[in-house]
Full PDB file with SEQRES, HELIX, SHEET, SSBOND, CRYST1, ORIGX, SCALE, CONECT and MASTER records, all heavy atoms in Angstrom:
SEQRES   1 A   39  ALA LEU ALA GLN ARG PRO ARG VAL LEU TRP THR GLN LEU          
SEQRES   2 A   39  GLY VAL ARG ASP ASP ALA ALA ALA ALA ARG ALA GLU ALA          
SEQRES   3 A   39  ALA GLY LEU GLN VAL VAL MET ASN ARG CYS PRO LYS ILE          
HELIX    1 AA1 ASP A   18  ALA A   26  1                                   9    
SHEET    1 AA1 2 VAL A   8  TRP A  10  0                                        
SHEET    2 AA1 2 GLN A  30  VAL A  32  1                                        
CRYST1    1.000    1.000    1.000  90.00  90.00  90.00 P 1           1          
ORIGX1      1.000000  0.000000  0.000000        0.00000                         
ORIGX2      0.000000  1.000000  0.000000        0.00000                         
ORIGX3      0.000000  0.000000  1.000000        0.00000                         
SCALE1      1.000000  0.000000  0.000000        0.00000                         
SCALE2      0.000000  1.000000  0.000000        0.00000                         
SCALE3      0.000000  0.000000  1.000000        0.00000                         
ATOM      1  N   ALA A   1    -112.637   6.422 -42.635  1.00  0.00           N  
ATOM      2  CA  ALA A   1    -112.536   6.704 -44.175  1.00  0.00           C  
ATOM      3  C   ALA A   1    -111.383   6.081 -44.820  1.00  0.00           C  
ATOM      4  O   ALA A   1    -111.390   6.038 -46.059  1.00  0.00           O  
ATOM      5  CB  ALA A   1    -112.507   8.255 -44.304  1.00  0.00           C  
ATOM      6  N   LEU A   2    -110.443   5.521 -44.111  1.00  0.00           N  
ATOM      7  CA  LEU A   2    -109.256   4.856 -44.728  1.00  0.00           C  
ATOM      8  C   LEU A   2    -109.651   3.603 -45.492  1.00  0.00           C  
ATOM      9  O   LEU A   2    -110.540   2.883 -44.969  1.00  0.00           O  
ATOM     10  CB  LEU A   2    -108.221   4.536 -43.728  1.00  0.00           C  
ATOM     11  CG  LEU A   2    -107.532   5.775 -42.943  1.00  0.00           C  
ATOM     12  CD1 LEU A   2    -106.642   5.286 -41.906  1.00  0.00           C  
ATOM     13  CD2 LEU A   2    -106.726   6.613 -43.969  1.00  0.00           C  
ATOM     14  N   ALA A   3    -109.093   3.350 -46.650  1.00  0.00           N  
ATOM     15  CA  ALA A   3    -109.376   2.105 -47.395  1.00  0.00           C  
ATOM     16  C   ALA A   3    -109.065   0.926 -46.593  1.00  0.00           C  
ATOM     17  O   ALA A   3    -109.828  -0.005 -46.524  1.00  0.00           O  
ATOM     18  CB  ALA A   3    -108.657   2.232 -48.690  1.00  0.00           C  
ATOM     19  N   GLN A   4    -107.922   0.897 -45.868  1.00  0.00           N  
ATOM     20  CA  GLN A   4    -107.528  -0.209 -45.047  1.00  0.00           C  
ATOM     21  C   GLN A   4    -107.564   0.353 -43.591  1.00  0.00           C  
ATOM     22  O   GLN A   4    -106.632   1.212 -43.287  1.00  0.00           O  
ATOM     23  CB  GLN A   4    -106.198  -0.670 -45.356  1.00  0.00           C  
ATOM     24  CG  GLN A   4    -106.142  -2.039 -46.009  1.00  0.00           C  
ATOM     25  CD  GLN A   4    -104.789  -2.546 -46.154  1.00  0.00           C  
ATOM     26  OE1 GLN A   4    -103.914  -1.963 -46.779  1.00  0.00           O  
ATOM     27  NE2 GLN A   4    -104.535  -3.708 -45.549  1.00  0.00           N  
ATOM     28  N   ARG A   5    -108.535  -0.033 -42.827  1.00  0.00           N  
ATOM     29  CA  ARG A   5    -108.668   0.498 -41.519  1.00  0.00           C  
ATOM     30  C   ARG A   5    -107.607  -0.006 -40.590  1.00  0.00           C  
ATOM     31  O   ARG A   5    -107.324  -1.223 -40.553  1.00  0.00           O  
ATOM     32  CB  ARG A   5    -110.031   0.225 -40.961  1.00  0.00           C  
ATOM     33  CG  ARG A   5    -111.161   1.039 -41.629  1.00  0.00           C  
ATOM     34  CD  ARG A   5    -112.433   0.712 -40.930  1.00  0.00           C  
ATOM     35  NE  ARG A   5    -113.568   1.437 -41.644  1.00  0.00           N  
ATOM     36  CZ  ARG A   5    -114.789   1.155 -41.525  1.00  0.00           C  
ATOM     37  NH1 ARG A   5    -115.207   0.176 -40.680  1.00  0.00           N  
ATOM     38  NH2 ARG A   5    -115.692   1.844 -42.155  1.00  0.00           N  
ATOM     39  N   PRO A   6    -107.202   0.835 -39.653  1.00  0.00           N  
ATOM     40  CA  PRO A   6    -106.351   0.263 -38.530  1.00  0.00           C  
ATOM     41  C   PRO A   6    -107.109  -0.639 -37.619  1.00  0.00           C  
ATOM     42  O   PRO A   6    -108.303  -0.640 -37.651  1.00  0.00           O  
ATOM     43  CB  PRO A   6    -105.927   1.568 -37.777  1.00  0.00           C  
ATOM     44  CG  PRO A   6    -106.222   2.723 -38.644  1.00  0.00           C  
ATOM     45  CD  PRO A   6    -107.315   2.208 -39.670  1.00  0.00           C  
ATOM     46  N   ARG A   7    -106.441  -1.481 -36.900  1.00  0.00           N  
ATOM     47  CA  ARG A   7    -107.078  -2.376 -36.015  1.00  0.00           C  
ATOM     48  C   ARG A   7    -107.328  -1.745 -34.691  1.00  0.00           C  
ATOM     49  O   ARG A   7    -108.223  -2.252 -33.896  1.00  0.00           O  
ATOM     50  CB  ARG A   7    -106.143  -3.614 -35.777  1.00  0.00           C  
ATOM     51  CG  ARG A   7    -105.999  -4.468 -36.944  1.00  0.00           C  
ATOM     52  CD  ARG A   7    -105.225  -5.733 -36.681  1.00  0.00           C  
ATOM     53  NE  ARG A   7    -104.861  -5.956 -35.293  1.00  0.00           N  
ATOM     54  CZ  ARG A   7    -103.598  -6.047 -34.837  1.00  0.00           C  
ATOM     55  NH1 ARG A   7    -102.590  -6.044 -35.801  1.00  0.00           N  
ATOM     56  NH2 ARG A   7    -103.272  -6.232 -33.654  1.00  0.00           N  
ATOM     57  N   VAL A   8    -106.658  -0.665 -34.284  1.00  0.00           N  
ATOM     58  CA  VAL A   8    -106.719  -0.126 -32.963  1.00  0.00           C  
ATOM     59  C   VAL A   8    -106.781   1.399 -32.984  1.00  0.00           C  
ATOM     60  O   VAL A   8    -105.993   2.071 -33.680  1.00  0.00           O  
ATOM     61  CB  VAL A   8    -105.374  -0.497 -32.134  1.00  0.00           C  
ATOM     62  CG1 VAL A   8    -105.485  -0.013 -30.749  1.00  0.00           C  
ATOM     63  CG2 VAL A   8    -105.197  -2.037 -32.111  1.00  0.00           C  
ATOM     64  N   LEU A   9    -107.688   1.980 -32.169  1.00  0.00           N  
ATOM     65  CA  LEU A   9    -107.794   3.281 -31.856  1.00  0.00           C  
ATOM     66  C   LEU A   9    -107.328   3.510 -30.432  1.00  0.00           C  
ATOM     67  O   LEU A   9    -107.930   2.932 -29.548  1.00  0.00           O  
ATOM     68  CB  LEU A   9    -109.131   3.837 -32.080  1.00  0.00           C  
ATOM     69  CG  LEU A   9    -109.343   5.347 -31.803  1.00  0.00           C  
ATOM     70  CD1 LEU A   9    -108.538   6.255 -32.653  1.00  0.00           C  
ATOM     71  CD2 LEU A   9    -110.768   5.780 -31.723  1.00  0.00           C  
ATOM     72  N   TRP A  10    -106.232   4.284 -30.182  1.00  0.00           N  
ATOM     73  CA  TRP A  10    -105.652   4.376 -28.848  1.00  0.00           C  
ATOM     74  C   TRP A  10    -105.678   5.938 -28.536  1.00  0.00           C  
ATOM     75  O   TRP A  10    -105.152   6.679 -29.358  1.00  0.00           O  
ATOM     76  CB  TRP A  10    -104.229   3.921 -28.814  1.00  0.00           C  
ATOM     77  CG  TRP A  10    -103.575   3.848 -27.517  1.00  0.00           C  
ATOM     78  CD1 TRP A  10    -103.341   4.865 -26.627  1.00  0.00           C  
ATOM     79  CD2 TRP A  10    -103.098   2.660 -26.880  1.00  0.00           C  
ATOM     80  NE1 TRP A  10    -102.753   4.442 -25.480  1.00  0.00           N  
ATOM     81  CE2 TRP A  10    -102.524   3.053 -25.617  1.00  0.00           C  
ATOM     82  CE3 TRP A  10    -103.003   1.298 -27.179  1.00  0.00           C  
ATOM     83  CZ2 TRP A  10    -101.866   2.213 -24.716  1.00  0.00           C  
ATOM     84  CZ3 TRP A  10    -102.392   0.494 -26.374  1.00  0.00           C  
ATOM     85  CH2 TRP A  10    -101.897   0.852 -25.168  1.00  0.00           C  
ATOM     86  N   THR A  11    -106.211   6.315 -27.381  1.00  0.00           N  
ATOM     87  CA  THR A  11    -106.154   7.756 -27.021  1.00  0.00           C  
ATOM     88  C   THR A  11    -105.255   7.851 -25.809  1.00  0.00           C  
ATOM     89  O   THR A  11    -105.214   7.072 -24.910  1.00  0.00           O  
ATOM     90  CB  THR A  11    -107.542   8.314 -26.740  1.00  0.00           C  
ATOM     91  OG1 THR A  11    -108.130   7.777 -25.581  1.00  0.00           O  
ATOM     92  CG2 THR A  11    -108.469   8.181 -27.932  1.00  0.00           C  
ATOM     93  N   GLN A  12    -104.542   8.978 -25.837  1.00  0.00           N  
ATOM     94  CA  GLN A  12    -103.527   9.243 -24.806  1.00  0.00           C  
ATOM     95  C   GLN A  12    -104.125   9.588 -23.433  1.00  0.00           C  
ATOM     96  O   GLN A  12    -105.310   9.744 -23.318  1.00  0.00           O  
ATOM     97  CB  GLN A  12    -102.585  10.416 -25.202  1.00  0.00           C  
ATOM     98  CG  GLN A  12    -101.514   9.915 -26.073  1.00  0.00           C  
ATOM     99  CD  GLN A  12    -100.542   8.980 -25.485  1.00  0.00           C  
ATOM    100  OE1 GLN A  12    -100.283   9.085 -24.309  1.00  0.00           O  
ATOM    101  NE2 GLN A  12     -99.986   8.100 -26.262  1.00  0.00           N  
ATOM    102  N   LEU A  13    -103.304   9.721 -22.447  1.00  0.00           N  
ATOM    103  CA  LEU A  13    -103.679  10.040 -21.055  1.00  0.00           C  
ATOM    104  C   LEU A  13    -104.506  11.312 -21.106  1.00  0.00           C  
ATOM    105  O   LEU A  13    -104.120  12.280 -21.658  1.00  0.00           O  
ATOM    106  CB  LEU A  13    -102.471  10.276 -20.200  1.00  0.00           C  
ATOM    107  CG  LEU A  13    -101.634   9.020 -19.860  1.00  0.00           C  
ATOM    108  CD1 LEU A  13    -100.379   9.373 -19.176  1.00  0.00           C  
ATOM    109  CD2 LEU A  13    -102.425   7.969 -19.079  1.00  0.00           C  
ATOM    110  N   GLY A  14    -105.705  11.321 -20.462  1.00  0.00           N  
ATOM    111  CA  GLY A  14    -106.553  12.426 -20.344  1.00  0.00           C  
ATOM    112  C   GLY A  14    -107.477  12.561 -21.479  1.00  0.00           C  
ATOM    113  O   GLY A  14    -108.289  13.509 -21.634  1.00  0.00           O  
ATOM    114  N   VAL A  15    -107.416  11.627 -22.493  1.00  0.00           N  
ATOM    115  CA  VAL A  15    -108.246  11.826 -23.678  1.00  0.00           C  
ATOM    116  C   VAL A  15    -109.180  10.559 -23.703  1.00  0.00           C  
ATOM    117  O   VAL A  15    -108.806   9.428 -23.785  1.00  0.00           O  
ATOM    118  CB  VAL A  15    -107.326  11.699 -25.018  1.00  0.00           C  
ATOM    119  CG1 VAL A  15    -108.269  11.771 -26.238  1.00  0.00           C  
ATOM    120  CG2 VAL A  15    -106.258  12.871 -24.960  1.00  0.00           C  
ATOM    121  N   ARG A  16    -110.477  10.918 -23.544  1.00  0.00           N  
ATOM    122  CA  ARG A  16    -111.501   9.888 -23.455  1.00  0.00           C  
ATOM    123  C   ARG A  16    -112.770  10.433 -24.124  1.00  0.00           C  
ATOM    124  O   ARG A  16    -113.206  11.560 -23.853  1.00  0.00           O  
ATOM    125  CB  ARG A  16    -111.792   9.505 -22.041  1.00  0.00           C  
ATOM    126  CG  ARG A  16    -112.847   8.407 -21.885  1.00  0.00           C  
ATOM    127  CD  ARG A  16    -112.872   7.852 -20.475  1.00  0.00           C  
ATOM    128  NE  ARG A  16    -113.878   6.930 -20.454  1.00  0.00           N  
ATOM    129  CZ  ARG A  16    -113.900   5.848 -19.642  1.00  0.00           C  
ATOM    130  NH1 ARG A  16    -112.931   5.746 -18.833  1.00  0.00           N  
ATOM    131  NH2 ARG A  16    -114.975   5.028 -19.629  1.00  0.00           N  
ATOM    132  N   ASP A  17    -113.382   9.616 -24.942  1.00  0.00           N  
ATOM    133  CA  ASP A  17    -114.677   9.896 -25.590  1.00  0.00           C  
ATOM    134  C   ASP A  17    -115.405   8.549 -25.781  1.00  0.00           C  
ATOM    135  O   ASP A  17    -115.077   7.823 -26.639  1.00  0.00           O  
ATOM    136  CB  ASP A  17    -114.400  10.577 -26.940  1.00  0.00           C  
ATOM    137  CG  ASP A  17    -115.730  10.973 -27.586  1.00  0.00           C  
ATOM    138  OD1 ASP A  17    -116.697  10.271 -27.570  1.00  0.00           O  
ATOM    139  OD2 ASP A  17    -115.750  12.080 -28.237  1.00  0.00           O  
ATOM    140  N   ASP A  18    -116.333   8.277 -24.847  1.00  0.00           N  
ATOM    141  CA  ASP A  18    -117.013   6.999 -24.815  1.00  0.00           C  
ATOM    142  C   ASP A  18    -117.889   6.799 -26.044  1.00  0.00           C  
ATOM    143  O   ASP A  18    -118.065   5.645 -26.591  1.00  0.00           O  
ATOM    144  CB  ASP A  18    -117.838   6.858 -23.586  1.00  0.00           C  
ATOM    145  CG  ASP A  18    -116.956   6.637 -22.356  1.00  0.00           C  
ATOM    146  OD1 ASP A  18    -115.927   5.896 -22.482  1.00  0.00           O  
ATOM    147  OD2 ASP A  18    -117.315   7.204 -21.282  1.00  0.00           O  
ATOM    148  N   ALA A  19    -118.458   7.882 -26.637  1.00  0.00           N  
ATOM    149  CA  ALA A  19    -119.292   7.652 -27.803  1.00  0.00           C  
ATOM    150  C   ALA A  19    -118.403   7.339 -28.999  1.00  0.00           C  
ATOM    151  O   ALA A  19    -118.750   6.505 -29.772  1.00  0.00           O  
ATOM    152  CB  ALA A  19    -120.033   9.012 -28.089  1.00  0.00           C  
ATOM    153  N   ALA A  20    -117.288   8.006 -29.116  1.00  0.00           N  
ATOM    154  CA  ALA A  20    -116.366   7.638 -30.174  1.00  0.00           C  
ATOM    155  C   ALA A  20    -115.901   6.268 -30.049  1.00  0.00           C  
ATOM    156  O   ALA A  20    -115.624   5.500 -30.984  1.00  0.00           O  
ATOM    157  CB  ALA A  20    -115.173   8.625 -30.246  1.00  0.00           C  
ATOM    158  N   ALA A  21    -115.572   5.817 -28.796  1.00  0.00           N  
ATOM    159  CA  ALA A  21    -115.050   4.412 -28.622  1.00  0.00           C  
ATOM    160  C   ALA A  21    -116.180   3.408 -29.019  1.00  0.00           C  
ATOM    161  O   ALA A  21    -115.847   2.443 -29.668  1.00  0.00           O  
ATOM    162  CB  ALA A  21    -114.765   4.278 -27.064  1.00  0.00           C  
ATOM    163  N   ALA A  22    -117.427   3.729 -28.696  1.00  0.00           N  
ATOM    164  CA  ALA A  22    -118.534   2.808 -29.070  1.00  0.00           C  
ATOM    165  C   ALA A  22    -118.624   2.735 -30.599  1.00  0.00           C  
ATOM    166  O   ALA A  22    -118.804   1.607 -31.127  1.00  0.00           O  
ATOM    167  CB  ALA A  22    -119.830   3.286 -28.419  1.00  0.00           C  
ATOM    168  N   ARG A  23    -118.458   3.888 -31.241  1.00  0.00           N  
ATOM    169  CA  ARG A  23    -118.504   3.943 -32.657  1.00  0.00           C  
ATOM    170  C   ARG A  23    -117.358   3.160 -33.297  1.00  0.00           C  
ATOM    171  O   ARG A  23    -117.534   2.370 -34.307  1.00  0.00           O  
ATOM    172  CB  ARG A  23    -118.381   5.363 -33.157  1.00  0.00           C  
ATOM    173  CG  ARG A  23    -119.625   5.840 -34.015  1.00  0.00           C  
ATOM    174  CD  ARG A  23    -119.476   7.245 -34.342  1.00  0.00           C  
ATOM    175  NE  ARG A  23    -118.689   7.462 -35.520  1.00  0.00           N  
ATOM    176  CZ  ARG A  23    -117.855   8.498 -35.729  1.00  0.00           C  
ATOM    177  NH1 ARG A  23    -117.756   9.485 -34.908  1.00  0.00           N  
ATOM    178  NH2 ARG A  23    -117.205   8.573 -36.949  1.00  0.00           N  
ATOM    179  N   ALA A  24    -116.195   3.291 -32.772  1.00  0.00           N  
ATOM    180  CA  ALA A  24    -114.982   2.580 -33.268  1.00  0.00           C  
ATOM    181  C   ALA A  24    -115.200   1.054 -33.089  1.00  0.00           C  
ATOM    182  O   ALA A  24    -114.850   0.303 -34.001  1.00  0.00           O  
ATOM    183  CB  ALA A  24    -113.756   3.038 -32.557  1.00  0.00           C  
ATOM    184  N   GLU A  25    -115.656   0.692 -31.882  1.00  0.00           N  
ATOM    185  CA  GLU A  25    -115.835  -0.762 -31.640  1.00  0.00           C  
ATOM    186  C   GLU A  25    -116.938  -1.340 -32.550  1.00  0.00           C  
ATOM    187  O   GLU A  25    -116.812  -2.473 -33.027  1.00  0.00           O  
ATOM    188  CB  GLU A  25    -116.152  -0.971 -30.190  1.00  0.00           C  
ATOM    189  CG  GLU A  25    -114.995  -0.739 -29.265  1.00  0.00           C  
ATOM    190  CD  GLU A  25    -115.290  -0.650 -27.779  1.00  0.00           C  
ATOM    191  OE1 GLU A  25    -116.447  -0.406 -27.404  1.00  0.00           O  
ATOM    192  OE2 GLU A  25    -114.394  -0.886 -27.018  1.00  0.00           O  
ATOM    193  N   ALA A  26    -117.948  -0.579 -32.847  1.00  0.00           N  
ATOM    194  CA  ALA A  26    -119.082  -1.082 -33.731  1.00  0.00           C  
ATOM    195  C   ALA A  26    -118.461  -1.274 -35.133  1.00  0.00           C  
ATOM    196  O   ALA A  26    -118.973  -2.052 -35.898  1.00  0.00           O  
ATOM    197  CB  ALA A  26    -120.157  -0.047 -33.805  1.00  0.00           C  
ATOM    198  N   ALA A  27    -117.424  -0.539 -35.507  1.00  0.00           N  
ATOM    199  CA  ALA A  27    -116.797  -0.586 -36.771  1.00  0.00           C  
ATOM    200  C   ALA A  27    -115.713  -1.717 -36.813  1.00  0.00           C  
ATOM    201  O   ALA A  27    -114.973  -1.926 -37.824  1.00  0.00           O  
ATOM    202  CB  ALA A  27    -116.195   0.719 -37.214  1.00  0.00           C  
ATOM    203  N   GLY A  28    -115.422  -2.351 -35.602  1.00  0.00           N  
ATOM    204  CA  GLY A  28    -114.556  -3.516 -35.571  1.00  0.00           C  
ATOM    205  C   GLY A  28    -113.212  -3.136 -35.045  1.00  0.00           C  
ATOM    206  O   GLY A  28    -112.234  -3.967 -35.126  1.00  0.00           O  
ATOM    207  N   LEU A  29    -113.000  -1.954 -34.607  1.00  0.00           N  
ATOM    208  CA  LEU A  29    -111.670  -1.596 -34.054  1.00  0.00           C  
ATOM    209  C   LEU A  29    -111.591  -1.901 -32.488  1.00  0.00           C  
ATOM    210  O   LEU A  29    -112.598  -1.854 -31.801  1.00  0.00           O  
ATOM    211  CB  LEU A  29    -111.415  -0.078 -34.178  1.00  0.00           C  
ATOM    212  CG  LEU A  29    -110.944   0.444 -35.566  1.00  0.00           C  
ATOM    213  CD1 LEU A  29    -112.031   0.300 -36.564  1.00  0.00           C  
ATOM    214  CD2 LEU A  29    -110.559   1.907 -35.389  1.00  0.00           C  
ATOM    215  N   GLN A  30    -110.413  -2.162 -32.102  1.00  0.00           N  
ATOM    216  CA  GLN A  30    -110.135  -2.319 -30.718  1.00  0.00           C  
ATOM    217  C   GLN A  30    -109.796  -0.902 -30.124  1.00  0.00           C  
ATOM    218  O   GLN A  30    -109.269  -0.072 -30.952  1.00  0.00           O  
ATOM    219  CB  GLN A  30    -108.861  -3.172 -30.414  1.00  0.00           C  
ATOM    220  CG  GLN A  30    -109.154  -4.686 -30.680  1.00  0.00           C  
ATOM    221  CD  GLN A  30    -107.874  -5.427 -30.460  1.00  0.00           C  
ATOM    222  OE1 GLN A  30    -106.903  -5.334 -31.176  1.00  0.00           O  
ATOM    223  NE2 GLN A  30    -107.838  -6.246 -29.346  1.00  0.00           N  
ATOM    224  N   VAL A  31    -110.219  -0.641 -28.942  1.00  0.00           N  
ATOM    225  CA  VAL A  31    -110.060   0.717 -28.401  1.00  0.00           C  
ATOM    226  C   VAL A  31    -109.340   0.743 -27.020  1.00  0.00           C  
ATOM    227  O   VAL A  31    -109.688  -0.087 -26.226  1.00  0.00           O  
ATOM    228  CB  VAL A  31    -111.429   1.485 -28.239  1.00  0.00           C  
ATOM    229  CG1 VAL A  31    -111.261   2.832 -27.602  1.00  0.00           C  
ATOM    230  CG2 VAL A  31    -112.159   1.568 -29.616  1.00  0.00           C  
ATOM    231  N   VAL A  32    -108.434   1.662 -26.897  1.00  0.00           N  
ATOM    232  CA  VAL A  32    -107.816   1.946 -25.595  1.00  0.00           C  
ATOM    233  C   VAL A  32    -107.885   3.382 -25.384  1.00  0.00           C  
ATOM    234  O   VAL A  32    -107.476   4.170 -26.275  1.00  0.00           O  
ATOM    235  CB  VAL A  32    -106.321   1.509 -25.491  1.00  0.00           C  
ATOM    236  CG1 VAL A  32    -105.711   1.816 -24.178  1.00  0.00           C  
ATOM    237  CG2 VAL A  32    -106.232  -0.089 -25.760  1.00  0.00           C  
ATOM    238  N   MET A  33    -108.470   3.862 -24.216  1.00  0.00           N  
ATOM    239  CA  MET A  33    -108.539   5.279 -23.973  1.00  0.00           C  
ATOM    240  C   MET A  33    -107.856   5.594 -22.695  1.00  0.00           C  
ATOM    241  O   MET A  33    -107.772   4.791 -21.720  1.00  0.00           O  
ATOM    242  CB  MET A  33    -109.958   5.693 -23.868  1.00  0.00           C  
ATOM    243  CG  MET A  33    -110.741   5.572 -25.178  1.00  0.00           C  
ATOM    244  SD  MET A  33    -112.403   6.268 -25.134  1.00  0.00           S  
ATOM    245  CE  MET A  33    -113.163   5.424 -23.858  1.00  0.00           C  
ATOM    246  N   ASN A  34    -107.371   6.782 -22.615  1.00  0.00           N  
ATOM    247  CA  ASN A  34    -106.737   7.399 -21.422  1.00  0.00           C  
ATOM    248  C   ASN A  34    -105.536   6.518 -20.961  1.00  0.00           C  
ATOM    249  O   ASN A  34    -105.384   6.352 -19.698  1.00  0.00           O  
ATOM    250  CB  ASN A  34    -107.763   7.491 -20.325  1.00  0.00           C  
ATOM    251  CG  ASN A  34    -107.312   8.288 -19.085  1.00  0.00           C  
ATOM    252  OD1 ASN A  34    -106.525   9.171 -19.206  1.00  0.00           O  
ATOM    253  ND2 ASN A  34    -107.845   8.029 -17.988  1.00  0.00           N  
ATOM    254  N   ARG A  35    -104.757   6.111 -21.849  1.00  0.00           N  
ATOM    255  CA  ARG A  35    -103.533   5.330 -21.560  1.00  0.00           C  
ATOM    256  C   ARG A  35    -102.472   5.735 -22.551  1.00  0.00           C  
ATOM    257  O   ARG A  35    -102.651   6.279 -23.540  1.00  0.00           O  
ATOM    258  CB  ARG A  35    -103.757   3.856 -21.781  1.00  0.00           C  
ATOM    259  CG  ARG A  35    -104.680   3.139 -20.812  1.00  0.00           C  
ATOM    260  CD  ARG A  35    -104.109   2.958 -19.418  1.00  0.00           C  
ATOM    261  NE  ARG A  35    -104.989   2.290 -18.532  1.00  0.00           N  
ATOM    262  CZ  ARG A  35    -104.882   1.029 -18.217  1.00  0.00           C  
ATOM    263  NH1 ARG A  35    -103.955   0.269 -18.719  1.00  0.00           N  
ATOM    264  NH2 ARG A  35    -105.815   0.509 -17.384  1.00  0.00           N  
ATOM    265  N   CYS A  36    -101.221   5.533 -22.089  1.00  0.00           N  
ATOM    266  CA  CYS A  36    -100.043   5.895 -22.949  1.00  0.00           C  
ATOM    267  C   CYS A  36     -99.329   4.629 -23.373  1.00  0.00           C  
ATOM    268  O   CYS A  36     -98.978   3.759 -22.542  1.00  0.00           O  
ATOM    269  CB  CYS A  36     -99.090   6.758 -22.210  1.00  0.00           C  
ATOM    270  SG  CYS A  36     -97.595   7.094 -23.077  1.00  0.00           S  
ATOM    271  N   PRO A  37     -99.134   4.344 -24.671  1.00  0.00           N  
ATOM    272  CA  PRO A  37     -98.490   3.099 -25.136  1.00  0.00           C  
ATOM    273  C   PRO A  37     -97.041   3.052 -24.604  1.00  0.00           C  
ATOM    274  O   PRO A  37     -96.521   2.041 -24.335  1.00  0.00           O  
ATOM    275  CB  PRO A  37     -98.599   3.137 -26.662  1.00  0.00           C  
ATOM    276  CG  PRO A  37     -98.886   4.585 -26.946  1.00  0.00           C  
ATOM    277  CD  PRO A  37     -99.609   5.173 -25.833  1.00  0.00           C  
ATOM    278  N   LYS A  38     -96.457   4.166 -24.455  1.00  0.00           N  
ATOM    279  CA  LYS A  38     -95.040   4.161 -23.916  1.00  0.00           C  
ATOM    280  C   LYS A  38     -94.982   3.691 -22.518  1.00  0.00           C  
ATOM    281  O   LYS A  38     -94.181   2.829 -22.164  1.00  0.00           O  
ATOM    282  CB  LYS A  38     -94.438   5.633 -23.969  1.00  0.00           C  
ATOM    283  CG  LYS A  38     -93.022   5.748 -23.402  1.00  0.00           C  
ATOM    284  CD  LYS A  38     -92.616   7.204 -23.388  1.00  0.00           C  
ATOM    285  CE  LYS A  38     -91.189   7.430 -22.871  1.00  0.00           C  
ATOM    286  NZ  LYS A  38     -90.989   7.031 -21.526  1.00  0.00           N  
ATOM    287  N   ILE A  39     -95.891   4.196 -21.735  1.00  0.00           N  
ATOM    288  CA  ILE A  39     -95.959   3.762 -20.315  1.00  0.00           C  
ATOM    289  C   ILE A  39     -96.348   2.246 -20.198  1.00  0.00           C  
ATOM    290  O   ILE A  39     -95.782   1.480 -19.495  1.00  0.00           O  
ATOM    291  CB  ILE A  39     -96.933   4.592 -19.444  1.00  0.00           C  
ATOM    292  CG1 ILE A  39     -96.390   6.009 -19.418  1.00  0.00           C  
ATOM    293  CG2 ILE A  39     -97.290   3.925 -18.140  1.00  0.00           C  
ATOM    294  CD1 ILE A  39     -97.435   7.041 -18.820  1.00  0.00           C  
TER     295      ILE A  39                                                      
MASTER        0    0    0    1    2    0    0    6  294    1    0    3          
END                                                                             
């Protein structure tokens, strides 16, 4: 819904939703799931 969409949707360790990932990728976002950017 944001006017300027982010490029990346990242979900933290233990957080995974394949349907949401597919939706995000269909909208042009890069997706990382079940990972920590700090690590």
